[in-house]
């Protein structure tokens, strides 16, 4: 039997000028190097530096269910 685990997709936001970094849930339209606003620490440009998946906790579910 084939089993699947769900994945959570995480987007990492990083400031271009300082060491500020933040993680949030992926949103439709996210892509690496996209500018997303201002840094909360220094007001520099904030951009998406990485997008990655994390397996969800819990038992795997059978394929097709």
PDB file of N, CA and C in Angstrom:
ATOM      1  N   UNK A   1       0.839  -1.176   0.000  1.00  0.00           N
ATOM      2  CA  UNK A   1       0.000   0.000   0.000  1.00  0.00           C
ATOM      3  C   UNK A   1       0.889   1.246   0.000  1.00  0.00           C
ATOM      4  N   UNK A   2       0.538   2.219  -0.785  1.00  0.00           N
ATOM      5  CA  UNK A   2       1.270   3.486  -0.853  1.00  0.00           C
ATOM      6  C   UNK A   2       0.707   4.422   0.218  1.00  0.00           C
ATOM      7  N   UNK A   3       1.590   5.079   0.973  1.00  0.00           N
ATOM      8  CA  UNK A   3       1.157   6.048   1.977  1.00  0.00           C
ATOM      9  C   UNK A   3       1.783   7.406   1.686  1.00  0.00           C
ATOM     10  N   UNK A   4       1.116   8.446   2.117  1.00  0.00           N
ATOM     11  CA  UNK A   4       1.576   9.819   1.898  1.00  0.00           C
ATOM     12  C   UNK A   4       1.648  10.580   3.207  1.00  0.00           C
ATOM     13  N   UNK A   5       2.535  11.511   3.275  1.00  0.00           N
ATOM     14  CA  UNK A   5       2.577  12.474   4.374  1.00  0.00           C
ATOM     15  C   UNK A   5       2.322  13.844   3.774  1.00  0.00           C
ATOM     16  N   UNK A   6       1.577  14.652   4.490  1.00  0.00           N
ATOM     17  CA  UNK A   6       1.349  16.019   4.045  1.00  0.00           C
ATOM     18  C   UNK A   6       2.613  16.847   4.212  1.00  0.00           C
ATOM     19  N   UNK A   7       2.710  17.921   3.484  1.00  0.00           N
ATOM     20  CA  UNK A   7       3.861  18.822   3.581  1.00  0.00           C
ATOM     21  C   UNK A   7       3.375  20.227   3.913  1.00  0.00           C
ATOM     22  N   UNK A   8       4.099  20.912   4.790  1.00  0.00           N
ATOM     23  CA  UNK A   8       3.890  22.336   5.043  1.00  0.00           C
ATOM     24  C   UNK A   8       4.976  23.064   4.271  1.00  0.00           C
ATOM     25  N   UNK A   9       4.608  24.119   3.576  1.00  0.00           N
ATOM     26  CA  UNK A   9       5.584  24.889   2.819  1.00  0.00           C
ATOM     27  C   UNK A   9       5.869  26.180   3.576  1.00  0.00           C
ATOM     28  N   UNK A  10       7.140  26.436   3.832  1.00  0.00           N
ATOM     29  CA  UNK A  10       7.601  27.582   4.616  1.00  0.00           C
ATOM     30  C   UNK A  10       8.329  28.559   3.703  1.00  0.00           C
ATOM     31  N   UNK A  11       8.053  29.845   3.890  1.00  0.00           N
ATOM     32  CA  UNK A  11       8.740  30.918   3.173  1.00  0.00           C
ATOM     33  C   UNK A  11       9.634  31.657   4.172  1.00  0.00           C
ATOM     34  N   UNK A  12      10.905  31.855   3.801  1.00  0.00           N
ATOM     35  CA  UNK A  12      11.851  32.581   4.656  1.00  0.00           C
ATOM     36  C   UNK A  12      12.046  33.983   4.087  1.00  0.00           C
ATOM     37  N   UNK A  13      11.797  34.981   4.926  1.00  0.00           N
ATOM     38  CA  UNK A  13      11.993  36.386   4.552  1.00  0.00           C
ATOM     39  C   UNK A  13      13.290  36.865   5.188  1.00  0.00           C
ATOM     40  N   UNK A  14      14.068  37.636   4.429  1.00  0.00           N
ATOM     41  CA  UNK A  14      15.359  38.114   4.929  1.00  0.00           C
ATOM     42  C   UNK A  14      15.576  39.556   4.506  1.00  0.00           C
ATOM     43  N   UNK A  15      16.203  40.332   5.406  1.00  0.00           N
ATOM     44  CA  UNK A  15      16.527  41.724   5.105  1.00  0.00           C
ATOM     45  C   UNK A  15      17.795  41.782   4.265  1.00  0.00           C
ATOM     46  N   UNK A  16      17.808  42.694   3.321  1.00  0.00           N
ATOM     47  CA  UNK A  16      18.968  42.879   2.444  1.00  0.00           C
ATOM     48  C   UNK A  16      20.108  43.602   3.162  1.00  0.00           C
ATOM     49  N   UNK A  17      19.799  44.389   4.214  1.00  0.00           N
ATOM     50  CA  UNK A  17      20.810  45.230   4.861  1.00  0.00           C
ATOM     51  C   UNK A  17      21.302  44.719   6.216  1.00  0.00           C
ATOM     52  N   UNK A  18      20.453  44.004   6.967  1.00  0.00           N
ATOM     53  CA  UNK A  18      20.884  43.535   8.285  1.00  0.00           C
ATOM     54  C   UNK A  18      20.654  42.024   8.391  1.00  0.00           C
ATOM     55  N   UNK A  19      20.786  41.468   9.593  1.00  0.00           N
ATOM     56  CA  UNK A  19      20.679  40.021   9.786  1.00  0.00           C
ATOM     57  C   UNK A  19      19.262  39.546  10.124  1.00  0.00           C
ATOM     58  N   UNK A  20      18.255  40.397   9.961  1.00  0.00           N
ATOM     59  CA  UNK A  20      16.876  40.047  10.299  1.00  0.00           C
ATOM     60  C   UNK A  20      16.359  38.940   9.381  1.00  0.00           C
ATOM     61  N   UNK A  21      15.716  37.921   9.990  1.00  0.00           N
ATOM     62  CA  UNK A  21      15.160  36.801   9.251  1.00  0.00           C
ATOM     63  C   UNK A  21      13.833  36.419   9.891  1.00  0.00           C
ATOM     64  N   UNK A  22      12.881  36.023   9.075  1.00  0.00           N
ATOM     65  CA  UNK A  22      11.549  35.663   9.566  1.00  0.00           C
ATOM     66  C   UNK A  22      11.013  34.510   8.715  1.00  0.00           C
ATOM     67  N   UNK A  23      10.257  33.604   9.339  1.00  0.00           N
ATOM     68  CA  UNK A  23       9.622  32.503   8.614  1.00  0.00           C
ATOM     69  C   UNK A  23       8.111  32.650   8.707  1.00  0.00           C
ATOM     70  N   UNK A  24       7.426  32.268   7.626  1.00  0.00           N
ATOM     71  CA  UNK A  24       5.964  32.285   7.617  1.00  0.00           C
ATOM     72  C   UNK A  24       5.467  31.194   6.684  1.00  0.00           C
ATOM     73  N   UNK A  25       4.165  30.917   6.751  1.00  0.00           N
ATOM     74  CA  UNK A  25       3.559  29.952   5.839  1.00  0.00           C
ATOM     75  C   UNK A  25       3.649  30.488   4.417  1.00  0.00           C
ATOM     76  N   UNK A  26       3.836  29.600   3.450  1.00  0.00           N
ATOM     77  CA  UNK A  26       3.863  29.960   2.037  1.00  0.00           C
ATOM     78  C   UNK A  26       2.527  30.569   1.631  1.00  0.00           C
ATOM     79  N   UNK A  27       2.578  31.592   0.794  1.00  0.00           N
ATOM     80  CA  UNK A  27       1.375  32.208   0.238  1.00  0.00           C
ATOM     81  C   UNK A  27       1.456  32.115  -1.285  1.00  0.00           C
ATOM     82  N   UNK A  28       0.314  31.920  -1.927  1.00  0.00           N
ATOM     83  CA  UNK A  28       0.275  31.857  -3.387  1.00  0.00           C
ATOM     84  C   UNK A  28       0.900  33.135  -3.940  1.00  0.00           C
ATOM     85  N   UNK A  29       1.801  32.993  -4.899  1.00  0.00           N
ATOM     86  CA  UNK A  29       2.487  34.140  -5.490  1.00  0.00           C
ATOM     87  C   UNK A  29       3.893  34.344  -4.952  1.00  0.00           C
ATOM     88  N   UNK A  30       4.261  33.613  -3.889  1.00  0.00           N
ATOM     89  CA  UNK A  30       5.625  33.711  -3.347  1.00  0.00           C
ATOM     90  C   UNK A  30       6.629  33.119  -4.331  1.00  0.00           C
ATOM     91  N   UNK A  31       7.785  33.754  -4.441  1.00  0.00           N
ATOM     92  CA  UNK A  31       8.907  33.209  -5.217  1.00  0.00           C
ATOM     93  C   UNK A  31      10.197  33.792  -4.664  1.00  0.00           C
ATOM     94  N   UNK A  32      11.297  33.080  -4.837  1.00  0.00           N
ATOM     95  CA  UNK A  32      12.592  33.499  -4.310  1.00  0.00           C
ATOM     96  C   UNK A  32      13.023  34.814  -4.961  1.00  0.00           C
ATOM     97  N   UNK A  33      13.551  35.711  -4.152  1.00  0.00           N
ATOM     98  CA  UNK A  33      14.017  37.061  -4.500  1.00  0.00           C
ATOM     99  C   UNK A  33      12.887  38.086  -4.669  1.00  0.00           C
ATOM    100  N   UNK A  34      11.657  37.707  -4.385  1.00  0.00           N
ATOM    101  CA  UNK A  34      10.535  38.650  -4.438  1.00  0.00           C
ATOM    102  C   UNK A  34      10.650  39.614  -3.256  1.00  0.00           C
ATOM    103  N   UNK A  35      10.532  40.906  -3.519  1.00  0.00           N
ATOM    104  CA  UNK A  35      10.519  41.900  -2.447  1.00  0.00           C
ATOM    105  C   UNK A  35       9.136  41.919  -1.826  1.00  0.00           C
ATOM    106  N   UNK A  36       9.106  41.864  -0.490  1.00  0.00           N
ATOM    107  CA  UNK A  36       7.825  41.741   0.197  1.00  0.00           C
ATOM    108  C   UNK A  36       7.550  42.837   1.220  1.00  0.00           C
ATOM    109  N   UNK A  37       8.404  43.830   1.310  1.00  0.00           N
ATOM    110  CA  UNK A  37       8.142  44.921   2.247  1.00  0.00           C
ATOM    111  C   UNK A  37       9.404  45.460   2.884  1.00  0.00           C
ATOM    112  N   UNK A  38       9.210  45.998   4.103  1.00  0.00           N
ATOM    113  CA  UNK A  38      10.298  46.619   4.854  1.00  0.00           C
ATOM    114  C   UNK A  38      10.693  45.773   6.046  1.00  0.00           C
ATOM    115  N   UNK A  39      11.966  45.804   6.391  1.00  0.00           N
ATOM    116  CA  UNK A  39      12.489  45.118   7.566  1.00  0.00           C
ATOM    117  C   UNK A  39      11.943  45.791   8.827  1.00  0.00           C
ATOM    118  N   UNK A  40      11.521  44.981   9.795  1.00  0.00           N
ATOM    119  CA  UNK A  40      11.006  45.509  11.056  1.00  0.00           C
ATOM    120  C   UNK A  40      12.119  46.090  11.929  1.00  0.00           C
ATOM    121  N   UNK A  41      13.364  45.688  11.652  1.00  0.00           N
ATOM    122  CA  UNK A  41      14.500  46.105  12.465  1.00  0.00           C
ATOM    123  C   UNK A  41      15.162  47.388  11.950  1.00  0.00           C
ATOM    124  N   UNK A  42      15.441  47.461  10.624  1.00  0.00           N
ATOM    125  CA  UNK A  42      16.203  48.604  10.096  1.00  0.00           C
ATOM    126  C   UNK A  42      15.498  49.339   8.953  1.00  0.00           C
ATOM    127  N   UNK A  43      14.300  48.898   8.579  1.00  0.00           N
ATOM    128  CA  UNK A  43      13.511  49.497   7.484  1.00  0.00           C
ATOM    129  C   UNK A  43      14.127  49.285   6.102  1.00  0.00           C
ATOM    130  N   UNK A  44      15.089  48.350   5.992  1.00  0.00           N
ATOM    131  CA  UNK A  44      15.665  47.992   4.699  1.00  0.00           C
ATOM    132  C   UNK A  44      14.712  47.107   3.912  1.00  0.00           C
ATOM    133  N   UNK A  45      15.024  46.805   2.648  1.00  0.00           N
ATOM    134  CA  UNK A  45      14.151  45.961   1.831  1.00  0.00           C
ATOM    135  C   UNK A  45      14.143  44.504   2.321  1.00  0.00           C
ATOM    136  N   UNK A  46      12.958  43.937   2.419  1.00  0.00           N
ATOM    137  CA  UNK A  46      12.762  42.559   2.848  1.00  0.00           C
ATOM    138  C   UNK A  46      12.407  41.729   1.621  1.00  0.00           C
ATOM    139  N   UNK A  47      13.090  40.601   1.442  1.00  0.00           N
ATOM    140  CA  UNK A  47      12.830  39.763   0.271  1.00  0.00           C
ATOM    141  C   UNK A  47      12.744  38.299   0.683  1.00  0.00           C
ATOM    142  N   UNK A  48      12.188  37.457  -0.200  1.00  0.00           N
ATOM    143  CA  UNK A  48      12.092  36.024   0.057  1.00  0.00           C
ATOM    144  C   UNK A  48      13.425  35.385  -0.325  1.00  0.00           C
ATOM    145  N   UNK A  49      14.085  34.768   0.655  1.00  0.00           N
ATOM    146  CA  UNK A  49      15.400  34.173   0.408  1.00  0.00           C
ATOM    147  C   UNK A  49      15.321  32.665   0.176  1.00  0.00           C
ATOM    148  N   UNK A  50      14.235  32.016   0.654  1.00  0.00           N
ATOM    149  CA  UNK A  50      14.165  30.565   0.554  1.00  0.00           C
ATOM    150  C   UNK A  50      12.717  30.102   0.723  1.00  0.00           C
ATOM    151  N   UNK A  51      12.374  29.017   0.039  1.00  0.00           N
ATOM    152  CA  UNK A  51      11.078  28.361   0.204  1.00  0.00           C
ATOM    153  C   UNK A  51      11.377  26.870   0.327  1.00  0.00           C
ATOM    154  N   UNK A  52      10.850  26.238   1.385  1.00  0.00           N
ATOM    155  CA  UNK A  52      11.123  24.821   1.583  1.00  0.00           C
ATOM    156  C   UNK A  52       9.926  24.106   2.201  1.00  0.00           C
ATOM    157  N   UNK A  53       9.919  22.781   2.096  1.00  0.00           N
ATOM    158  CA  UNK A  53       8.826  21.975   2.636  1.00  0.00           C
ATOM    159  C   UNK A  53       9.254  21.210   3.873  1.00  0.00           C
ATOM    160  N   UNK A  54       8.299  21.041   4.808  1.00  0.00           N
ATOM    161  CA  UNK A  54       8.520  20.295   6.040  1.00  0.00           C
ATOM    162  C   UNK A  54       7.412  19.253   6.153  1.00  0.00           C
ATOM    163  N   UNK A  55       7.759  17.966   6.367  1.00  0.00           N
ATOM    164  CA  UNK A  55       6.710  16.953   6.514  1.00  0.00           C
ATOM    165  C   UNK A  55       5.854  17.241   7.748  1.00  0.00           C
ATOM    166  N   UNK A  56       4.546  17.051   7.607  1.00  0.00           N
ATOM    167  CA  UNK A  56       3.648  17.236   8.742  1.00  0.00           C
ATOM    168  C   UNK A  56       3.799  16.067   9.702  1.00  0.00           C
ATOM    169  N   UNK A  57       3.560  16.329  10.988  1.00  0.00           N
ATOM    170  CA  UNK A  57       3.630  15.285  11.997  1.00  0.00           C
ATOM    171  C   UNK A  57       2.357  14.455  11.952  1.00  0.00           C
ATOM    172  N   UNK A  58       2.454  13.248  12.450  1.00  0.00           N
ATOM    173  CA  UNK A  58       1.308  12.366  12.486  1.00  0.00           C
ATOM    174  C   UNK A  58       1.513  11.176  11.570  1.00  0.00           C
ATOM    175  N   UNK A  59       0.608  10.223  11.666  1.00  0.00           N
ATOM    176  CA  UNK A  59       0.763   9.012  10.852  1.00  0.00           C
ATOM    177  C   UNK A  59       0.491   9.287   9.378  1.00  0.00           C
ATOM    178  N   UNK A  60       1.184   8.577   8.491  1.00  0.00           N
ATOM    179  CA  UNK A  60       0.907   8.740   7.064  1.00  0.00           C
ATOM    180  C   UNK A  60      -0.492   8.239   6.745  1.00  0.00           C
ATOM    181  N   UNK A  61      -1.096   8.781   5.707  1.00  0.00           N
ATOM    182  CA  UNK A  61      -2.437   8.339   5.312  1.00  0.00           C
ATOM    183  C   UNK A  61      -2.334   7.544   4.023  1.00  0.00           C
ATOM    184  N   UNK A  62      -3.225   6.575   3.839  1.00  0.00           N
ATOM    185  CA  UNK A  62      -3.190   5.781   2.600  1.00  0.00           C
ATOM    186  C   UNK A  62      -3.451   6.663   1.384  1.00  0.00           C
ATOM    187  N   UNK A  63      -2.769   6.357   0.287  1.00  0.00           N
ATOM    188  CA  UNK A  63      -2.950   7.081  -0.961  1.00  0.00           C
ATOM    189  C   UNK A  63      -4.399   6.978  -1.426  1.00  0.00           C
ATOM    190  N   UNK A  64      -4.985   8.088  -1.844  1.00  0.00           N
ATOM    191  CA  UNK A  64      -6.354   8.099  -2.344  1.00  0.00           C
ATOM    192  C   UNK A  64      -7.392   8.443  -1.297  1.00  0.00           C
ATOM    193  N   UNK A  65      -6.975   8.680  -0.043  1.00  0.00           N
ATOM    194  CA  UNK A  65      -7.931   9.012   1.028  1.00  0.00           C
ATOM    195  C   UNK A  65      -7.676  10.372   1.563  1.00  0.00           C
TER     196      UNK A  65
END
